[in-house]
């Protein structure tokens, strides 16, 4: 009988000890794997969505809220800013590109974003079918929106006031779907895109009929929600935010600074969970140690008989060490599989809530280090019992039997 089969038979002989060690170790590994997958994918997706955007300009309020609403479409906007201010910003010599967005409505909880064609172009979007909007009240659906709602080119729908779709529907001003975007892996996938003039038209119609003077006055007072800015030179980073923030109606927020602050906040909770997972892995190592050490007393006679049959001390040392490593490897593999399963289930839930998608099919390089750490836990836990098996006194053990 070889070492592997012997180790397997001894582990099967103590099912409760084996199960406890596996459960503790696999839960610890699964927790860390889940954190690696979720935090890694969300951070990668947020960095991708913010790529090429140096500044977000909007109404005064929380800079974090401005970033979350303007780039990631995860929060309510801080308010609107005059169209004239956005147009003035676009002509600033420090600005290479300015993309104004008009927000405030949604459809089936997917946000309707008024923008120019430069917005999908910024993310490299291409058409799966149809075309981009050309006239007011034409809309283009992101890939996820089209897939989950099941509508295609030629369909019509009415947006609702509010970002959660909880407001009154604008039935008097329906949108016509003229195109569907290919999947981009960006925030565009879960947006409904239309022209800014469509958003203005919906809200002006919603407020009821006007005479010509009132209509012209409203056109003069038109607003946008945010402006996504790309710097023209490194000098802009030092001067443009200060210029903008000095104006009473505008606020500038840096995506790099605010997302770094967001991940520092998230990191506190993630580190707490990671510390809990490390405690679980330590407890699993202690469980493996106790199981092997107590089992050693029960197997001293078996080990002594093996010695008389020709097994070397090194072979007995390897036997106990292999048991610890087998337990650790099984726990690590179960934990990795469980972590990916939990990530998949969380991803399904997040997608149903129209949040950032997470998949359990992704792989993080740190998982290999995690499996190595679990094997290290098993090795250290089995070291002392293995050494005692190595030092077994054959004649004394057989005499006491």
Protein backbone atom coordinates (compact mmCIF):
# COMPACT_ATOMS: atom_id res chain seq x y z
CA UNK A 1 0.00 0.00 0.00
CA UNK A 2 1.45 3.41 -0.98
CA UNK A 3 1.46 6.62 1.05
CA UNK A 4 -1.49 8.17 -0.82
CA UNK A 5 -3.85 5.26 -0.22
CA UNK A 6 -2.77 5.01 3.42
CA UNK A 7 -3.39 8.72 3.96
CA UNK A 8 -6.80 8.49 2.28
CA UNK A 9 -7.83 5.53 4.42
CA UNK A 10 -6.82 7.29 7.65
CA UNK A 11 -8.74 10.45 6.61
CA UNK A 12 -11.85 8.37 5.84
CA UNK A 13 -11.55 6.70 9.23
CA UNK A 14 -12.10 10.09 10.96
CA UNK A 15 -14.96 11.66 8.95
CA UNK A 16 -15.95 14.28 11.54
CA UNK A 17 -12.42 15.60 12.06
CA UNK A 18 -11.82 15.57 8.31
CA UNK A 19 -15.11 17.34 7.55
CA UNK A 20 -14.47 20.04 10.19
CA UNK A 21 -10.99 20.77 8.82
CA UNK A 22 -12.29 20.90 5.23
CA UNK A 23 -15.22 23.16 6.11
CA UNK A 24 -13.11 25.70 7.99
CA UNK A 25 -10.39 25.82 5.36
CA UNK A 26 -12.76 25.94 2.39
CA UNK A 27 -14.83 28.75 3.96
CA UNK A 28 -11.70 30.81 4.55
CA UNK A 29 -10.43 30.25 1.01
CA UNK A 30 -13.89 30.89 -0.50
CA UNK A 31 -14.23 34.21 1.33
CA UNK A 32 -10.88 35.46 0.04
CA UNK A 33 -11.59 34.20 -3.51
CA UNK A 34 -14.95 35.98 -3.50
CA UNK A 35 -13.30 39.22 -2.41
CA UNK A 36 -10.59 38.88 -5.06
CA UNK A 37 -13.14 38.29 -7.82
CA UNK A 38 -15.65 40.97 -6.84
CA UNK A 39 -13.24 43.76 -5.92
CA UNK A 40 -10.96 42.97 -8.86
CA UNK A 41 -13.75 42.96 -11.45
CA UNK A 42 -15.52 46.03 -10.08
CA UNK A 43 -12.27 47.99 -9.92
CA UNK A 44 -11.34 46.94 -13.46
CA UNK A 45 -14.79 47.88 -14.78
CA UNK A 46 -14.81 51.25 -13.01
CA UNK A 47 -11.34 52.07 -14.32
CA UNK A 48 -12.48 51.14 -17.83
CA UNK A 49 -15.60 53.34 -17.57
CA UNK A 50 -13.53 56.31 -16.37
CA UNK A 51 -10.74 55.89 -18.95
CA UNK A 52 -10.18 59.07 -20.93
CA UNK A 53 -12.28 61.19 -18.54
CA UNK A 54 -10.13 63.56 -16.50
CA UNK A 55 -12.85 65.66 -14.89
CA UNK A 56 -16.60 65.61 -14.30
CA UNK A 57 -18.27 69.01 -14.07
CA UNK A 58 -21.75 69.45 -12.63
CA UNK A 59 -23.82 71.19 -9.99
CA UNK A 60 -22.47 71.86 -6.51
CA UNK A 61 -22.76 68.94 -4.11
CA UNK A 62 -20.85 65.81 -3.22
CA UNK A 63 -17.88 65.16 -5.56
CA UNK A 64 -18.33 61.42 -5.03
CA UNK A 65 -22.01 61.66 -5.99
CA UNK A 66 -21.07 63.66 -9.07
CA UNK A 67 -18.65 60.93 -10.21
CA UNK A 68 -21.04 58.06 -9.42
CA UNK A 69 -23.90 59.69 -11.31
CA UNK A 70 -21.96 61.24 -14.20
CA UNK A 71 -19.65 58.36 -15.16
CA UNK A 72 -21.00 55.18 -13.58
CA UNK A 73 -24.74 56.07 -13.43
CA UNK A 74 -25.03 54.56 -9.96
CA UNK A 75 -26.34 57.54 -7.99
CA UNK A 76 -28.70 60.48 -8.32
CA UNK A 77 -27.29 63.59 -10.02
CA UNK A 78 -26.38 66.58 -7.88
CA UNK A 79 -28.53 68.83 -10.08
CA UNK A 80 -28.33 70.61 -13.42
CA UNK A 81 -26.09 73.35 -14.77
CA UNK A 82 -26.85 75.99 -17.40
CA UNK A 83 -26.25 74.94 -20.98
CA UNK A 84 -24.36 78.20 -21.53
CA UNK A 85 -21.83 77.19 -18.84
CA UNK A 86 -21.29 73.80 -20.50
CA UNK A 87 -20.81 75.45 -23.90
CA UNK A 88 -18.33 77.92 -22.40
CA UNK A 89 -16.38 75.05 -20.84
CA UNK A 90 -16.18 73.24 -24.19
CA UNK A 91 -14.44 76.26 -25.74
CA UNK A 92 -11.85 76.53 -22.95
CA UNK A 93 -8.32 76.17 -24.36
CA UNK A 94 -7.46 73.74 -21.54
CA UNK A 95 -10.19 71.31 -22.67
CA UNK A 96 -9.59 68.82 -25.49
CA UNK A 97 -13.01 67.20 -25.34
CA UNK A 98 -16.22 68.02 -23.45
CA UNK A 99 -19.19 65.63 -23.50
CA UNK A 100 -22.39 67.11 -21.99
CA UNK A 101 -24.99 64.67 -20.66
CA UNK A 102 -28.63 65.23 -19.71
CA UNK A 103 -29.98 62.83 -17.08
CA UNK A 104 -33.10 62.44 -15.00
CA UNK A 105 -35.36 59.85 -16.68
CA UNK A 106 -35.33 56.08 -16.95
CA UNK A 107 -37.11 53.16 -18.55
CA UNK A 108 -37.63 49.92 -16.65
CA UNK A 109 -34.96 51.23 -14.24
CA UNK A 110 -32.43 51.64 -17.08
CA UNK A 111 -31.25 55.23 -17.26
CA UNK A 112 -32.02 57.39 -20.27
CA UNK A 113 -28.99 59.50 -21.11
CA UNK A 114 -29.15 62.46 -23.45
CA UNK A 115 -25.82 62.91 -25.24
CA UNK A 116 -24.13 63.59 -28.55
CA UNK A 117 -22.64 60.90 -30.79
CA UNK A 118 -19.25 61.56 -29.22
CA UNK A 119 -20.43 59.76 -26.07
CA UNK A 120 -20.73 56.23 -27.57
CA UNK A 121 -17.70 57.01 -29.73
CA UNK A 122 -15.67 57.68 -26.56
CA UNK A 123 -16.21 54.05 -25.51
CA UNK A 124 -15.62 52.66 -28.99
CA UNK A 125 -19.23 51.52 -29.37
CA UNK A 126 -20.40 49.94 -32.62
CA UNK A 127 -23.89 49.15 -33.86
CA UNK A 128 -25.24 45.60 -33.63
CA UNK A 129 -28.26 46.64 -35.63
CA UNK A 130 -29.86 49.87 -36.78
CA UNK A 131 -28.20 53.27 -36.47
CA UNK A 132 -27.48 56.06 -34.00
CA UNK A 133 -30.18 58.65 -33.24
CA UNK A 134 -30.53 61.52 -35.68
CA UNK A 135 -33.77 63.22 -34.68
CA UNK A 136 -35.50 64.04 -31.39
CA UNK A 137 -37.21 61.10 -29.65
CA UNK A 138 -35.03 58.47 -31.31
CA UNK A 139 -33.21 56.12 -28.92
CA UNK A 140 -30.43 53.55 -29.03
CA UNK A 141 -30.29 50.69 -26.52
CA UNK A 142 -27.21 49.30 -24.84
CA UNK A 143 -26.59 45.57 -25.30
CA UNK A 144 -27.77 44.60 -21.79
CA UNK A 145 -30.90 46.75 -22.03
CA UNK A 146 -31.89 45.14 -25.33
CA UNK A 147 -31.14 41.62 -24.10
CA UNK A 148 -33.07 41.94 -20.83
CA UNK A 149 -36.09 43.83 -22.19
CA UNK A 150 -36.35 41.83 -25.41
CA UNK A 151 -37.25 44.79 -27.64
CA UNK A 152 -35.60 45.67 -30.93
CA UNK A 153 -35.39 48.29 -33.63
CA UNK A 154 -38.80 49.76 -34.42
CA UNK A 155 -40.22 49.37 -30.92
CA UNK A 156 -41.55 52.36 -28.99
CA UNK A 157 -41.51 53.05 -25.26
CA UNK A 158 -42.23 55.86 -22.82
CA UNK A 159 -39.64 56.97 -20.30
CA UNK A 160 -40.47 57.68 -16.66
CA UNK A 161 -39.37 60.59 -14.54
CA UNK A 162 -36.66 59.65 -12.03
CA UNK A 163 -33.62 57.41 -12.20
CA UNK A 164 -35.37 54.39 -10.68
CA UNK A 165 -38.37 54.44 -13.01
CA UNK A 166 -40.64 55.25 -10.09
CA UNK A 167 -41.98 58.54 -11.50
CA UNK A 168 -44.79 59.32 -13.90
CA UNK A 169 -44.41 58.06 -17.46
CA UNK A 170 -44.02 60.59 -20.25
CA UNK A 171 -46.66 58.91 -22.39
CA UNK A 172 -47.14 62.06 -24.44
CA UNK A 173 -43.55 61.79 -25.72
CA UNK A 174 -42.60 58.16 -26.55
CA UNK A 175 -39.18 57.15 -27.85
CA UNK A 176 -38.63 55.13 -31.03
CA UNK A 177 -35.79 52.56 -30.94
CA UNK A 178 -33.59 53.06 -34.00
CA UNK A 179 -30.52 51.04 -33.01
CA UNK A 180 -28.90 48.57 -30.61
CA UNK A 181 -25.24 48.72 -29.62
CA UNK A 182 -22.85 45.80 -29.57
CA UNK A 183 -21.65 44.84 -26.11
CA UNK A 184 -18.82 47.16 -25.05
CA UNK A 185 -18.07 45.89 -21.54
CA UNK A 186 -18.66 49.46 -20.36
CA UNK A 187 -21.40 51.47 -18.71
CA UNK A 188 -23.05 51.93 -22.15
CA UNK A 189 -24.34 48.34 -22.02
CA UNK A 190 -26.94 49.30 -19.39
CA UNK A 191 -27.99 52.69 -20.76
CA UNK A 192 -30.63 54.03 -23.14
CA UNK A 193 -29.02 56.72 -25.29
CA UNK A 194 -30.76 59.56 -27.05
CA UNK A 195 -30.05 63.14 -28.07
CA UNK A 196 -29.97 65.89 -25.44
CA UNK A 197 -32.71 67.68 -27.37
CA UNK A 198 -34.94 64.63 -26.77
CA UNK A 199 -34.56 65.02 -22.99
CA UNK A 200 -35.38 68.72 -23.25
CA UNK A 201 -38.38 67.96 -25.47
CA UNK A 202 -39.79 65.37 -23.03
CA UNK A 203 -39.64 67.69 -20.05
CA UNK A 204 -40.95 70.71 -21.91
CA UNK A 205 -43.89 68.66 -23.21
CA UNK A 206 -44.46 67.23 -19.72
CA UNK A 207 -44.93 70.75 -18.36
CA UNK A 208 -47.86 71.35 -20.66
CA UNK A 209 -48.56 73.67 -23.60
CA UNK A 210 -46.81 77.03 -23.84
CA UNK A 211 -47.14 80.08 -25.96
CA UNK A 212 -44.26 81.08 -28.24
CA UNK A 213 -42.73 83.51 -25.72
CA UNK A 214 -42.69 80.90 -22.94
CA UNK A 215 -41.15 78.32 -25.27
CA UNK A 216 -38.32 80.68 -26.26
CA UNK A 217 -37.71 81.54 -22.62
CA UNK A 218 -37.43 77.86 -21.74
CA UNK A 219 -35.04 77.25 -24.62
CA UNK A 220 -32.84 80.05 -23.32
CA UNK A 221 -32.84 78.47 -19.85
CA UNK A 222 -32.00 74.93 -20.98
CA UNK A 223 -29.66 72.89 -18.81
CA UNK A 224 -27.49 69.78 -18.86
CA UNK A 225 -26.63 67.56 -15.91
CA UNK A 226 -22.89 66.92 -16.21
CA UNK A 227 -20.02 67.51 -18.60
CA UNK A 228 -17.31 64.86 -19.02
CA UNK A 229 -14.01 66.60 -19.67
CA UNK A 230 -10.71 65.46 -21.14
CA UNK A 231 -7.71 67.70 -20.57
CA UNK A 232 -5.85 69.30 -23.48
CA UNK A 233 -2.53 69.44 -21.61
CA UNK A 234 -0.94 68.54 -18.24
CA UNK A 235 -1.31 72.20 -17.25
CA UNK A 236 -5.09 71.75 -17.21
CA UNK A 237 -4.90 69.32 -14.29
CA UNK A 238 -3.33 72.02 -12.11
CA UNK A 239 -5.51 74.96 -13.14
CA UNK A 240 -8.85 73.89 -14.64
CA UNK A 241 -10.48 72.33 -11.50
CA UNK A 242 -9.66 75.48 -9.51
CA UNK A 243 -11.07 77.69 -12.27
CA UNK A 244 -14.31 75.72 -12.37
CA UNK A 245 -14.80 75.42 -8.61
CA UNK A 246 -14.43 79.19 -8.24
CA UNK A 247 -17.69 79.60 -10.18
CA UNK A 248 -20.71 79.44 -7.90
CA UNK A 249 -22.89 77.23 -10.13
CA UNK A 250 -20.26 74.64 -11.11
CA UNK A 251 -18.26 71.94 -9.39
CA UNK A 252 -15.40 69.85 -10.79
CA UNK A 253 -14.56 66.38 -9.47
CA UNK A 254 -11.63 64.17 -10.47
CA UNK A 255 -12.59 60.53 -11.24
CA UNK A 256 -9.10 59.33 -10.27
CA UNK A 257 -9.26 60.95 -6.84
CA UNK A 258 -12.86 60.02 -6.07
CA UNK A 259 -12.62 56.39 -7.20
CA UNK A 260 -9.41 56.00 -5.17
CA UNK A 261 -11.30 57.37 -2.15
CA UNK A 262 -14.22 55.04 -2.88
CA UNK A 263 -11.97 51.99 -2.96
CA UNK A 264 -10.31 53.09 0.28
CA UNK A 265 -13.78 53.12 1.85
CA UNK A 266 -14.66 49.75 0.31
CA UNK A 267 -11.22 48.47 1.30
CA UNK A 268 -12.02 48.83 5.01
CA UNK A 269 -14.87 46.32 4.72
CA UNK A 270 -12.89 44.11 2.36
CA UNK A 271 -9.93 44.02 4.76
CA UNK A 272 -12.25 43.11 7.64
CA UNK A 273 -13.66 40.20 5.63
CA UNK A 274 -10.16 39.18 4.55
CA UNK A 275 -9.01 39.20 8.19
CA UNK A 276 -12.00 37.03 9.11
CA UNK A 277 -11.07 34.62 6.32
CA UNK A 278 -7.47 34.45 7.58
CA UNK A 279 -8.80 33.62 11.07
CA UNK A 280 -10.87 30.82 9.51
CA UNK A 281 -7.79 29.46 7.75
CA UNK A 282 -5.79 29.63 10.98
CA UNK A 283 -8.61 27.79 12.77
CA UNK A 284 -8.56 25.20 9.98
CA UNK A 285 -4.81 24.74 10.45
CA UNK A 286 -5.35 24.30 14.18
CA UNK A 287 -8.10 21.77 13.46
CA UNK A 288 -5.77 19.81 11.14
CA UNK A 289 -3.05 19.87 13.81
CA UNK A 290 -5.39 18.66 16.56
CA UNK A 291 -6.88 15.97 14.33
CA UNK A 292 -3.49 14.60 13.32
CA UNK A 293 -1.96 14.93 16.77
CA UNK A 294 -4.82 13.15 18.58
CA UNK A 295 -5.03 10.51 15.85
CA UNK A 296 -1.33 9.88 16.30
CA UNK A 297 -1.99 8.47 19.76
CA UNK A 298 -4.55 6.06 18.32
CA UNK A 299 -2.18 4.99 15.54
CA UNK A 300 1.03 4.59 17.46
CA UNK A 301 0.68 0.78 17.43
CA UNK A 302 -0.11 0.80 13.67
CA UNK A 303 2.94 2.95 13.01
CA UNK A 304 5.14 0.67 15.15
CA UNK A 305 3.90 -2.39 13.24
CA UNK A 306 4.66 -0.62 9.97
CA UNK A 307 8.17 -0.01 11.20
CA UNK A 308 8.63 -3.73 12.00
CA UNK A 309 7.39 -4.55 8.50
CA UNK A 310 10.12 -2.42 6.98
CA UNK A 311 8.70 1.10 6.79
CA UNK A 312 11.42 3.67 7.43
CA UNK A 313 11.02 6.65 9.83
CA UNK A 314 11.13 8.89 6.76
CA UNK A 315 8.17 7.03 5.30
CA UNK A 316 6.11 7.55 8.46
CA UNK A 317 7.08 11.23 8.48
CA UNK A 318 5.89 11.50 4.88
CA UNK A 319 2.63 9.71 5.70
CA UNK A 320 1.57 12.26 8.34
CA UNK A 321 2.82 15.15 6.27
CA UNK A 322 0.89 13.94 3.23
CA UNK A 323 -2.33 13.75 5.25
CA UNK A 324 -1.99 17.40 6.23
CA UNK A 325 -1.24 18.42 2.65
CA UNK A 326 -4.12 16.36 1.24
CA UNK A 327 -6.54 17.99 3.68
CA UNK A 328 -5.20 21.44 2.80
CA UNK A 329 -5.35 20.80 -0.96
CA UNK A 330 -8.91 19.45 -0.79
CA UNK A 331 -10.00 22.40 1.36
CA UNK A 332 -8.32 24.88 -0.99
CA UNK A 333 -9.89 23.36 -4.13
CA UNK A 334 -13.34 23.23 -2.53
CA UNK A 335 -12.87 26.82 -1.34
CA UNK A 336 -11.83 28.06 -4.78
CA UNK A 337 -14.81 26.34 -6.40
CA UNK A 338 -17.17 27.68 -3.71
CA UNK A 339 -15.77 31.20 -4.11
CA UNK A 340 -16.38 31.13 -7.88
CA UNK A 341 -19.89 29.75 -7.34
CA UNK A 342 -20.72 32.51 -4.84
CA UNK A 343 -19.31 35.12 -7.26
CA UNK A 344 -21.59 33.76 -10.01
CA UNK A 345 -24.65 33.90 -7.73
CA UNK A 346 -23.75 37.41 -6.61
CA UNK A 347 -23.28 38.40 -10.25
CA UNK A 348 -26.78 37.17 -11.12
CA UNK A 349 -28.22 39.22 -8.26
CA UNK A 350 -26.20 42.33 -9.16
CA UNK A 351 -27.30 42.07 -12.79
CA UNK A 352 -30.93 41.83 -11.69
CA UNK A 353 -30.36 45.06 -9.74
CA UNK A 354 -28.73 46.61 -12.84
CA UNK A 355 -25.43 47.03 -11.03
CA UNK A 356 -21.92 46.22 -12.19
CA UNK A 357 -21.86 42.63 -13.51
CA UNK A 358 -19.63 40.13 -11.72
CA UNK A 359 -18.83 36.66 -13.04
CA UNK A 360 -17.48 33.57 -11.38
CA UNK A 361 -15.86 32.50 -14.67
CA UNK A 362 -13.04 35.01 -14.25
CA UNK A 363 -9.69 34.07 -12.72
CA UNK A 364 -7.37 36.11 -10.53
CA UNK A 365 -3.63 35.24 -10.38
CA UNK A 366 -3.73 35.70 -6.60
CA UNK A 367 -5.81 32.51 -6.35
CA UNK A 368 -2.68 30.43 -7.04
CA UNK A 369 -0.94 32.15 -4.13
CA UNK A 370 -4.00 31.43 -2.01
CA UNK A 371 -3.84 27.70 -2.80
CA UNK A 372 -0.13 27.81 -1.94
CA UNK A 373 -0.93 29.52 1.38
CA UNK A 374 -3.52 26.83 2.18
CA UNK A 375 -0.93 24.12 1.45
CA UNK A 376 1.46 25.97 3.76
CA UNK A 377 -1.15 25.88 6.51
CA UNK A 378 -1.56 22.12 6.06
CA UNK A 379 2.22 21.58 6.01
CA UNK A 380 2.83 23.55 9.21
CA UNK A 381 -0.12 21.88 10.97
CA UNK A 382 1.16 18.40 10.09
CA UNK A 383 4.82 19.08 10.88
CA UNK A 384 4.82 18.29 14.62
CA UNK A 385 2.66 15.13 14.36
CA UNK A 386 4.85 13.98 11.45
CA UNK A 387 8.00 14.56 13.51
CA UNK A 388 6.55 12.54 16.40
CA UNK A 389 5.73 9.72 13.99
CA UNK A 390 9.32 9.90 12.73
CA UNK A 391 10.59 9.54 16.32
CA UNK A 392 8.32 6.56 17.14
CA UNK A 393 10.02 4.11 19.55
CA UNK A 394 9.07 0.73 18.08
CA UNK A 395 10.03 -1.55 20.99
CA UNK A 396 8.42 0.65 23.69
CA UNK A 397 5.22 1.09 21.68
CA UNK A 398 4.86 -2.67 21.02
CA UNK A 399 5.63 -3.46 24.67
CA UNK A 400 2.85 -1.11 25.82
CA UNK A 401 0.32 -2.58 23.42
